[in-house]
């Protein structure tokens, strides 16, 4: 499954990039996130509870950041285990572009799932993933620029 979107954030690119690398900001924005621990500048560990259709699962996983193109671009890869609910792995490429103090964030994400989650059907998974991504970025934009909230 692949997701693409472009979000406009009313803040300079430096502030957006800093927020994307702040575990506390990310924890507030990730739907269902119970814990987000930064082990290094490139390694994070997360615990997230998600409900997708009839399946509710607690995922524990690791995320690795590649900031070699920062601050204009970076990528992340991760994997999570939800026990009997299944397993997920994926990644995203993110680009940031600033124009007159407003940042456009563009991303392409790919996700693979297995287990009970994979049996739910691709339309339910895709619509839930889009909804979760939308919720993340709406909250993220409000945290980065509280004036807009």
Protein backbone atom coordinates (compact mmCIF):
# COMPACT_ATOMS: atom_id res chain seq x y z
CA UNK A 1 0.00 0.00 0.00
CA UNK A 2 1.24 3.48 -0.85
CA UNK A 3 0.11 6.85 0.52
CA UNK A 4 1.01 10.28 -0.89
CA UNK A 5 0.02 13.71 0.29
CA UNK A 6 1.08 17.33 0.49
CA UNK A 7 0.40 19.48 3.54
CA UNK A 8 0.88 23.23 3.96
CA UNK A 9 2.10 24.33 7.39
CA UNK A 10 2.08 28.00 8.34
CA UNK A 11 5.60 27.97 9.77
CA UNK A 12 9.17 28.30 8.50
CA UNK A 13 10.91 25.13 7.33
CA UNK A 14 13.43 25.21 10.21
CA UNK A 15 10.59 25.07 12.77
CA UNK A 16 8.80 22.27 10.88
CA UNK A 17 12.01 20.23 10.60
CA UNK A 18 12.80 20.74 14.29
CA UNK A 19 9.29 19.60 15.26
CA UNK A 20 9.55 16.50 13.06
CA UNK A 21 12.64 15.55 15.04
CA UNK A 22 11.17 16.26 18.48
CA UNK A 23 9.93 13.04 20.13
CA UNK A 24 7.50 14.91 22.41
CA UNK A 25 5.87 16.68 19.45
CA UNK A 26 5.63 13.41 17.53
CA UNK A 27 4.17 11.57 20.52
CA UNK A 28 1.40 14.19 20.75
CA UNK A 29 0.64 13.89 17.03
CA UNK A 30 0.80 10.14 16.37
CA UNK A 31 -2.71 8.70 16.83
CA UNK A 32 -2.74 6.13 19.64
CA UNK A 33 0.88 6.75 20.64
CA UNK A 34 1.49 5.73 24.24
CA UNK A 35 5.25 6.11 24.27
CA UNK A 36 8.00 7.41 21.99
CA UNK A 37 11.60 7.08 23.09
CA UNK A 38 14.54 8.63 21.25
CA UNK A 39 17.58 6.35 21.51
CA UNK A 40 19.78 8.45 19.22
CA UNK A 41 19.46 11.13 16.53
CA UNK A 42 18.41 8.41 14.09
CA UNK A 43 16.69 5.74 16.24
CA UNK A 44 13.29 5.89 17.93
CA UNK A 45 11.16 3.28 19.68
CA UNK A 46 7.36 3.56 19.79
CA UNK A 47 4.36 1.93 21.45
CA UNK A 48 1.08 2.63 19.65
CA UNK A 49 -2.46 1.32 20.13
CA UNK A 50 -4.57 1.20 16.96
CA UNK A 51 -8.05 -0.01 16.13
CA UNK A 52 -8.58 -0.96 12.51
CA UNK A 53 -12.06 -2.29 11.89
CA UNK A 54 -12.69 -5.01 14.47
CA UNK A 55 -8.98 -5.47 15.28
CA UNK A 56 -7.42 -3.50 18.13
CA UNK A 57 -3.72 -4.00 18.70
CA UNK A 58 -0.81 -2.58 20.64
CA UNK A 59 2.23 -2.27 18.39
CA UNK A 60 5.79 -2.01 19.61
CA UNK A 61 8.34 -1.04 17.04
CA UNK A 62 11.50 0.70 15.99
CA UNK A 63 11.91 3.63 13.61
CA UNK A 64 15.15 4.64 11.93
CA UNK A 65 15.67 8.10 10.39
CA UNK A 66 17.94 8.94 7.46
CA UNK A 67 18.65 12.66 7.73
CA UNK A 68 21.41 12.80 5.08
CA UNK A 69 19.28 15.16 2.93
CA UNK A 70 18.17 17.35 5.84
CA UNK A 71 16.62 19.81 6.30
CA UNK A 72 15.05 19.70 2.79
CA UNK A 73 14.44 15.96 2.76
CA UNK A 74 14.69 12.90 4.96
CA UNK A 75 13.35 9.40 5.10
CA UNK A 76 12.31 6.96 7.76
CA UNK A 77 11.84 3.23 7.95
CA UNK A 78 10.22 1.19 10.66
CA UNK A 79 8.63 -2.03 11.70
CA UNK A 80 6.18 -2.95 14.39
CA UNK A 81 4.79 -6.09 15.90
CA UNK A 82 1.18 -6.23 17.06
CA UNK A 83 1.28 -9.81 18.35
CA UNK A 84 -1.66 -11.86 17.06
CA UNK A 85 -3.00 -8.82 15.16
CA UNK A 86 -0.04 -8.85 12.83
CA UNK A 87 3.12 -7.21 11.76
CA UNK A 88 3.70 -3.96 9.88
CA UNK A 89 6.74 -2.50 8.19
CA UNK A 90 7.24 0.45 5.96
CA UNK A 91 8.87 3.73 5.32
CA UNK A 92 8.31 7.27 4.10
CA UNK A 93 10.21 9.86 2.11
CA UNK A 94 9.53 13.44 3.22
CA UNK A 95 10.46 16.69 1.48
CA UNK A 96 10.08 20.21 2.85
CA UNK A 97 9.92 23.37 0.77
CA UNK A 98 9.57 26.88 2.20
CA UNK A 99 8.09 29.87 0.46
CA UNK A 100 7.51 33.18 2.28
CA UNK A 101 7.58 31.56 5.74
CA UNK A 102 5.11 28.80 4.81
CA UNK A 103 6.34 25.21 4.49
CA UNK A 104 4.96 22.60 2.14
CA UNK A 105 5.54 19.05 3.40
CA UNK A 106 5.24 16.29 0.80
CA UNK A 107 5.45 12.62 1.64
CA UNK A 108 5.27 9.22 0.02
CA UNK A 109 4.80 6.29 2.40
CA UNK A 110 4.79 2.56 1.73
CA UNK A 111 3.44 0.03 4.21
CA UNK A 112 3.29 -3.76 4.26
CA UNK A 113 1.15 -5.65 6.75
CA UNK A 114 0.60 -9.28 7.66
CA UNK A 115 -1.49 -11.33 10.08
CA UNK A 116 -5.10 -10.54 11.05
CA UNK A 117 -4.73 -6.96 9.82
CA UNK A 118 -3.92 -8.12 6.31
CA UNK A 119 -7.14 -10.17 6.26
CA UNK A 120 -9.33 -7.08 6.78
CA UNK A 121 -9.19 -6.00 3.16
CA UNK A 122 -7.16 -3.38 1.39
CA UNK A 123 -9.95 -0.76 1.22
CA UNK A 124 -10.45 -0.72 5.00
CA UNK A 125 -6.69 -0.64 5.61
CA UNK A 126 -6.13 2.14 3.05
CA UNK A 127 -9.00 4.31 4.33
CA UNK A 128 -7.85 3.87 7.94
CA UNK A 129 -4.24 4.70 7.00
CA UNK A 130 -5.38 7.88 5.21
CA UNK A 131 -7.52 8.87 8.19
CA UNK A 132 -4.62 8.30 10.63
CA UNK A 133 -2.19 10.25 8.41
CA UNK A 134 -4.69 13.10 8.13
CA UNK A 135 -5.16 13.17 11.91
CA UNK A 136 -1.37 13.18 12.44
CA UNK A 137 -0.76 16.12 10.09
CA UNK A 138 -3.73 18.16 11.33
CA UNK A 139 -2.46 17.81 14.91
CA UNK A 140 1.14 18.40 13.79
CA UNK A 141 0.19 21.66 12.01
CA UNK A 142 -1.64 22.83 15.17
CA UNK A 143 1.34 22.01 17.40
CA UNK A 144 3.86 23.72 15.09
CA UNK A 145 1.68 26.81 14.58
CA UNK A 146 -0.77 27.08 17.52
CA UNK A 147 -2.08 30.42 16.13
CA UNK A 148 -3.74 28.49 13.32
CA UNK A 149 -5.54 26.12 15.72
